[in-house]
Amino acid sequence: MSDRPTPRPRLAVWKFASCDGCQLTLLNCEDELLELAGAVEIAYFPEATRAVVEGPYDVSLVEGSVTTPSDRERIQEVRAASRRLVTIGACATAGGIQALRNFADVEEFTSIVYAHPEYISTLDTATPISAHVPVDYELRGCPIDRAQLLEVIAAFVQRRKPRVADESVCMECKRRGTVCVTVAHGTPCLGPVTHAGCGALCPAYDRGCYGCFGPAGTANTASLAHRLVDLGMPRRDVGRVFRTFNAASPAFAEESARHLGSEQEVAR
């Protein structure tokens, strides 16, 4: 028998169009990151190290959305080099804030923002990674939750299914004993249709959920939208609350379209 140690699984972390917040969540794991570094070989992670180990990689974490022609080509290369690909954060799983371009005229935006828009190479839409390549798991959030991230990495290294509950923020409110802000105060809240993971942070401070973690698995957005209208929110604003961090996620995009009659109405 060989005395050679079993090679550690190779982990790679990739960035596309994003703010780096989800990668920073991994770096902020501190003590857990040291244990992780002992369990896997961090082969590619420019946010943390200049060292580069050639693929293939056992697990790739991908942050960010596809917004340029070069992004569209590069994600194919990442997928080809990765045995398992996990998207992390709202940008990678639902297009992120930049997906608001999907509801407007990108050429008009670039003509206003840039002195020489002819030098800008961009796509008309910002899309999640899953729109371009097969994805093995999606971890939601803006940013992601550190405990969920560590669970997902451990699960794929151990070749098991991640134990991340597909439930709504309302369940987190109940566990921490937070009074429902909508029932008690009439505060608009996306908690009933939003995937858990934040620990119900905003409702704990008497604010409604903003939907940072995207739609839960069985999100009844139509029912919640009806309730928001009953609370006095104009239909235009109901459409807007679904067009934030996860604007391109199908459940939120479809519900916002029911309340916003046109692209011009969004701009007003």
Protein backbone atom coordinates (compact mmCIF):
# COMPACT_ATOMS: atom_id res chain seq x y z
CA MET A 1 0.00 0.00 0.00
CA SER A 2 1.19 3.54 -0.74
CA ASP A 3 2.10 5.83 2.15
CA ARG A 4 1.25 8.90 0.10
CA PRO A 5 -1.35 11.15 1.76
CA THR A 6 -4.72 11.42 0.03
CA PRO A 7 -4.75 14.66 -1.99
CA ARG A 8 -7.04 17.32 -0.61
CA PRO A 9 -10.00 18.40 -2.75
CA ARG A 10 -9.24 21.49 -4.80
CA LEU A 11 -11.40 24.55 -4.17
CA ALA A 12 -11.59 27.49 -6.59
CA VAL A 13 -13.41 30.80 -6.11
CA TRP A 14 -14.36 32.85 -9.18
CA LYS A 15 -15.66 36.39 -9.58
CA PHE A 16 -17.94 37.74 -12.27
CA ALA A 17 -20.02 40.97 -12.11
CA SER A 18 -20.50 41.56 -8.39
CA CYS A 19 -19.43 43.63 -5.38
CA ASP A 20 -17.18 40.91 -3.80
CA GLY A 21 -19.42 40.76 -0.71
CA CYS A 22 -19.98 37.01 -0.91
CA GLN A 23 -16.26 36.31 -1.27
CA LEU A 24 -15.66 38.53 1.77
CA THR A 25 -18.15 36.39 3.69
CA LEU A 26 -15.84 33.45 3.13
CA LEU A 27 -12.79 35.46 4.21
CA ASN A 28 -14.65 36.63 7.31
CA CYS A 29 -15.13 33.05 8.48
CA GLU A 30 -11.82 33.50 10.35
CA ASP A 31 -11.27 30.39 12.55
CA GLU A 32 -13.46 28.26 10.30
CA LEU A 33 -11.41 29.37 7.29
CA LEU A 34 -8.26 27.96 8.91
CA GLU A 35 -9.97 24.61 9.36
CA LEU A 36 -11.25 24.79 5.78
CA ALA A 37 -7.75 25.47 4.50
CA GLY A 38 -6.63 22.29 6.22
CA ALA A 39 -9.42 20.24 4.68
CA VAL A 40 -9.16 21.50 1.10
CA GLU A 41 -6.54 22.97 -1.18
CA ILE A 42 -7.52 26.55 -2.01
CA ALA A 43 -6.27 26.36 -5.57
CA TYR A 44 -7.67 29.60 -7.00
CA PHE A 45 -8.96 32.56 -4.98
CA PRO A 46 -7.57 35.95 -6.14
CA GLU A 47 -9.36 37.76 -3.28
CA ALA A 48 -7.23 35.81 -0.79
CA THR A 49 -4.01 34.76 -2.50
CA ARG A 50 -1.93 35.23 -5.63
CA ALA A 51 -1.12 31.54 -5.77
CA VAL A 52 -2.72 29.70 -8.67
CA VAL A 53 -2.96 25.94 -8.97
CA GLU A 54 -4.10 24.64 -12.33
CA GLY A 55 -7.40 22.76 -12.53
CA PRO A 56 -9.38 20.67 -12.71
CA TYR A 57 -11.10 21.72 -9.48
CA ASP A 58 -13.30 19.56 -7.26
CA VAL A 59 -15.52 22.46 -6.19
CA SER A 60 -15.83 25.92 -7.74
CA LEU A 61 -17.65 28.75 -5.98
CA VAL A 62 -18.86 31.38 -8.44
CA GLU A 63 -19.86 34.88 -7.41
CA GLY A 64 -21.42 37.38 -9.80
CA SER A 65 -23.63 37.52 -12.87
CA VAL A 66 -22.85 37.28 -16.57
CA THR A 67 -22.94 40.81 -18.02
CA THR A 68 -20.35 40.93 -20.81
CA PRO A 69 -19.42 38.80 -23.83
CA SER A 70 -16.16 37.83 -22.12
CA ASP A 71 -18.10 36.71 -19.02
CA ARG A 72 -20.22 34.49 -21.24
CA GLU A 73 -17.12 32.79 -22.63
CA ARG A 74 -15.26 32.56 -19.32
CA ILE A 75 -18.06 30.81 -17.42
CA GLN A 76 -17.90 28.00 -19.98
CA GLU A 77 -14.21 27.58 -19.18
CA VAL A 78 -14.91 27.58 -15.42
CA ARG A 79 -17.60 24.94 -15.84
CA ALA A 80 -15.33 22.74 -17.92
CA ALA A 81 -12.62 22.90 -15.24
CA SER A 82 -14.96 22.17 -12.31
CA ARG A 83 -16.30 18.83 -11.10
CA ARG A 84 -18.92 20.67 -9.00
CA LEU A 85 -20.02 24.27 -9.51
CA VAL A 86 -21.80 26.21 -6.75
CA THR A 87 -23.18 29.71 -7.35
CA ILE A 88 -23.06 32.02 -4.33
CA GLY A 89 -25.11 35.15 -3.80
CA ALA A 90 -27.93 37.04 -5.49
CA CYS A 91 -25.81 38.10 -8.46
CA ALA A 92 -24.82 34.54 -9.35
CA THR A 93 -28.20 32.96 -8.61
CA ALA A 94 -30.57 35.67 -9.87
CA GLY A 95 -28.64 38.35 -11.75
CA GLY A 96 -28.32 40.71 -8.78
CA ILE A 97 -28.86 44.46 -8.78
CA GLN A 98 -27.30 44.71 -12.22
CA ALA A 99 -30.21 42.68 -13.63
CA LEU A 100 -32.32 45.83 -13.37
CA ARG A 101 -30.88 46.55 -16.82
CA ASN A 102 -33.10 43.73 -18.07
CA PHE A 103 -36.11 46.02 -17.70
CA ALA A 104 -34.61 49.08 -19.40
CA ASP A 105 -32.62 50.31 -22.40
CA VAL A 106 -28.93 49.50 -21.85
CA GLU A 107 -27.77 51.68 -24.74
CA GLU A 108 -29.52 54.67 -23.18
CA PHE A 109 -27.86 53.94 -19.83
CA THR A 110 -24.37 53.72 -21.32
CA SER A 111 -24.85 56.91 -23.36
CA ILE A 112 -25.69 58.81 -20.17
CA VAL A 113 -23.12 57.29 -17.80
CA TYR A 114 -20.02 57.03 -20.01
CA ALA A 115 -18.28 59.81 -21.94
CA HIS A 116 -17.33 57.29 -24.65
CA PRO A 117 -19.92 54.51 -24.65
CA GLU A 118 -18.40 53.12 -27.86
CA TYR A 119 -15.64 51.61 -25.70
CA ILE A 120 -18.10 49.73 -23.47
CA SER A 121 -18.55 46.04 -24.22
CA THR A 122 -21.63 44.77 -22.43
CA LEU A 123 -24.68 42.59 -22.87
CA ASP A 124 -28.24 43.90 -22.89
CA THR A 125 -29.03 41.68 -19.92
CA ALA A 126 -27.40 40.53 -16.68
CA THR A 127 -28.16 36.88 -16.12
CA PRO A 128 -27.48 34.25 -13.45
CA ILE A 129 -24.80 31.64 -14.00
CA SER A 130 -27.44 28.92 -14.45
CA ALA A 131 -28.61 30.64 -17.65
CA HIS A 132 -25.32 29.66 -19.26
CA VAL A 133 -24.00 26.44 -17.68
CA PRO A 134 -25.28 23.61 -15.49
CA VAL A 135 -25.08 24.48 -11.78
CA ASP A 136 -24.84 21.86 -9.03
CA TYR A 137 -26.13 24.07 -6.19
CA GLU A 138 -27.34 27.63 -5.65
CA LEU A 139 -26.63 29.45 -2.38
CA ARG A 140 -28.72 32.58 -2.09
CA GLY A 141 -28.23 35.87 -0.25
CA CYS A 142 -26.94 39.41 -0.57
CA PRO A 143 -24.53 38.61 0.90
CA ILE A 144 -24.65 34.88 1.62
CA ASP A 145 -24.78 33.51 5.17
CA ARG A 146 -21.43 32.22 6.46
CA ALA A 147 -22.92 29.17 8.19
CA GLN A 148 -24.77 28.14 5.03
CA LEU A 149 -21.61 28.65 2.98
CA LEU A 150 -19.50 26.44 5.24
CA GLU A 151 -22.23 23.78 5.20
CA VAL A 152 -22.34 23.78 1.40
CA ILE A 153 -18.56 23.54 1.05
CA ALA A 154 -18.40 20.72 3.62
CA ALA A 155 -21.24 18.88 1.90
CA PHE A 156 -19.61 18.88 -1.53
CA VAL A 157 -16.21 17.95 -0.14
CA GLN A 158 -17.87 15.04 1.70
CA ARG A 159 -19.99 14.21 -1.37
CA ARG A 160 -23.35 14.63 0.32
CA LYS A 161 -26.36 16.89 -0.11
CA PRO A 162 -26.13 20.29 1.65
CA ARG A 163 -28.43 20.67 4.65
CA VAL A 164 -29.84 24.12 3.91
CA ALA A 165 -33.56 24.41 4.66
CA ASP A 166 -35.78 25.77 1.88
CA GLU A 167 -38.04 27.83 4.14
CA SER A 168 -39.10 31.45 4.41
CA VAL A 169 -37.84 34.27 6.62
CA CYS A 170 -41.08 33.96 8.60
CA MET A 171 -39.76 30.73 10.11
CA GLU A 172 -36.65 32.56 11.30
CA CYS A 173 -38.83 35.27 12.87
CA LYS A 174 -40.75 32.63 14.79
CA ARG A 175 -37.59 30.91 16.03
CA ARG A 176 -36.13 34.12 17.42
CA GLY A 177 -39.46 35.26 18.86
CA THR A 178 -39.82 38.32 16.64
CA VAL A 179 -43.33 39.76 16.42
CA CYS A 180 -44.60 39.92 12.83
CA VAL A 181 -44.08 43.50 11.69
CA THR A 182 -46.87 43.24 9.12
CA VAL A 183 -49.48 41.92 11.55
CA ALA A 184 -48.45 44.14 14.46
CA HIS A 185 -47.60 47.38 12.69
CA GLY A 186 -48.80 47.09 9.10
CA THR A 187 -45.21 47.26 7.82
CA PRO A 188 -44.73 45.91 4.29
CA CYS A 189 -42.47 42.84 4.46
CA LEU A 190 -41.26 40.29 1.89
CA GLY A 191 -40.49 37.72 4.59
CA PRO A 192 -43.32 35.31 3.65
CA VAL A 193 -41.90 34.80 0.13
CA THR A 194 -38.16 35.19 0.83
CA HIS A 195 -35.69 32.34 1.35
CA ALA A 196 -34.34 32.08 4.90
CA GLY A 197 -30.68 32.63 5.70
CA CYS A 198 -30.31 36.09 7.20
CA GLY A 199 -31.70 35.19 10.63
CA ALA A 200 -34.64 37.57 10.07
CA LEU A 201 -32.31 40.52 10.67
CA CYS A 202 -34.53 43.36 9.42
CA PRO A 203 -37.77 42.28 11.15
CA ALA A 204 -35.79 41.99 14.41
CA TYR A 205 -35.32 45.77 14.16
CA ASP A 206 -38.95 46.49 13.25
CA ARG A 207 -38.25 46.75 9.53
CA GLY A 208 -39.78 44.70 6.75
CA CYS A 209 -37.73 42.10 4.88
CA TYR A 210 -36.23 43.39 1.62
CA GLY A 211 -35.96 40.00 -0.07
CA CYS A 212 -32.14 39.79 -0.04
CA PHE A 213 -32.16 35.97 -0.22
CA GLY A 214 -34.53 35.73 -3.16
CA PRO A 215 -37.75 33.74 -3.43
CA ALA A 216 -38.35 30.75 -1.19
CA GLY A 217 -39.18 27.43 -2.83
CA THR A 218 -42.96 27.84 -2.60
CA ALA A 219 -43.27 31.63 -2.74
CA ASN A 220 -46.89 32.79 -3.08
CA THR A 221 -45.96 36.23 -4.37
CA ALA A 222 -49.45 37.00 -5.70
CA SER A 223 -51.01 36.59 -2.26
CA LEU A 224 -48.37 38.77 -0.60
CA ALA A 225 -48.69 41.44 -3.29
CA HIS A 226 -52.45 41.56 -2.66
CA ARG A 227 -51.74 42.06 1.05
CA LEU A 228 -49.28 44.89 0.32
CA VAL A 229 -51.94 46.66 -1.74
CA ASP A 230 -54.38 46.24 1.16
CA LEU A 231 -51.81 47.93 3.41
CA GLY A 232 -51.96 50.99 1.17
CA MET A 233 -48.91 50.44 -1.03
CA PRO A 234 -49.44 51.73 -4.60
CA ARG A 235 -49.26 49.00 -7.25
CA ARG A 236 -46.25 50.73 -8.80
CA ASP A 237 -44.37 50.41 -5.49
CA VAL A 238 -45.45 46.78 -5.10
CA GLY A 239 -43.81 46.09 -8.44
CA ARG A 240 -40.67 47.90 -7.35
CA VAL A 241 -40.16 45.95 -4.11
CA PHE A 242 -39.78 42.81 -6.19
CA ARG A 243 -37.14 44.50 -8.38
CA THR A 244 -34.17 44.82 -6.05
CA PHE A 245 -31.45 42.30 -5.21
CA ASN A 246 -33.14 39.39 -7.01
CA ALA A 247 -34.93 41.20 -9.80
CA ALA A 248 -34.32 38.50 -12.42
CA SER A 249 -35.45 35.54 -10.31
CA PRO A 250 -38.55 34.16 -12.09
CA ALA A 251 -40.95 34.43 -9.12
CA PHE A 252 -40.04 38.05 -8.36
CA ALA A 253 -39.76 39.09 -12.01
CA GLU A 254 -43.20 37.72 -12.86
CA GLU A 255 -44.83 39.38 -9.86
CA SER A 256 -43.23 42.75 -10.55
CA ALA A 257 -44.42 42.58 -14.15
CA ARG A 258 -48.01 42.26 -12.95
CA HIS A 259 -47.80 45.66 -11.26
CA LEU A 260 -45.48 47.67 -13.50
CA GLY A 261 -47.14 48.44 -16.79
CA SER A 262 -44.03 49.59 -18.65
CA GLU A 263 -40.32 50.27 -18.44
CA GLN A 264 -41.11 53.99 -18.38
CA GLU A 265 -43.19 53.53 -15.25
CA VAL A 266 -40.20 51.98 -13.46
CA ALA A 267 -38.10 55.01 -14.32
CA ARG A 268 -40.60 57.50 -12.91
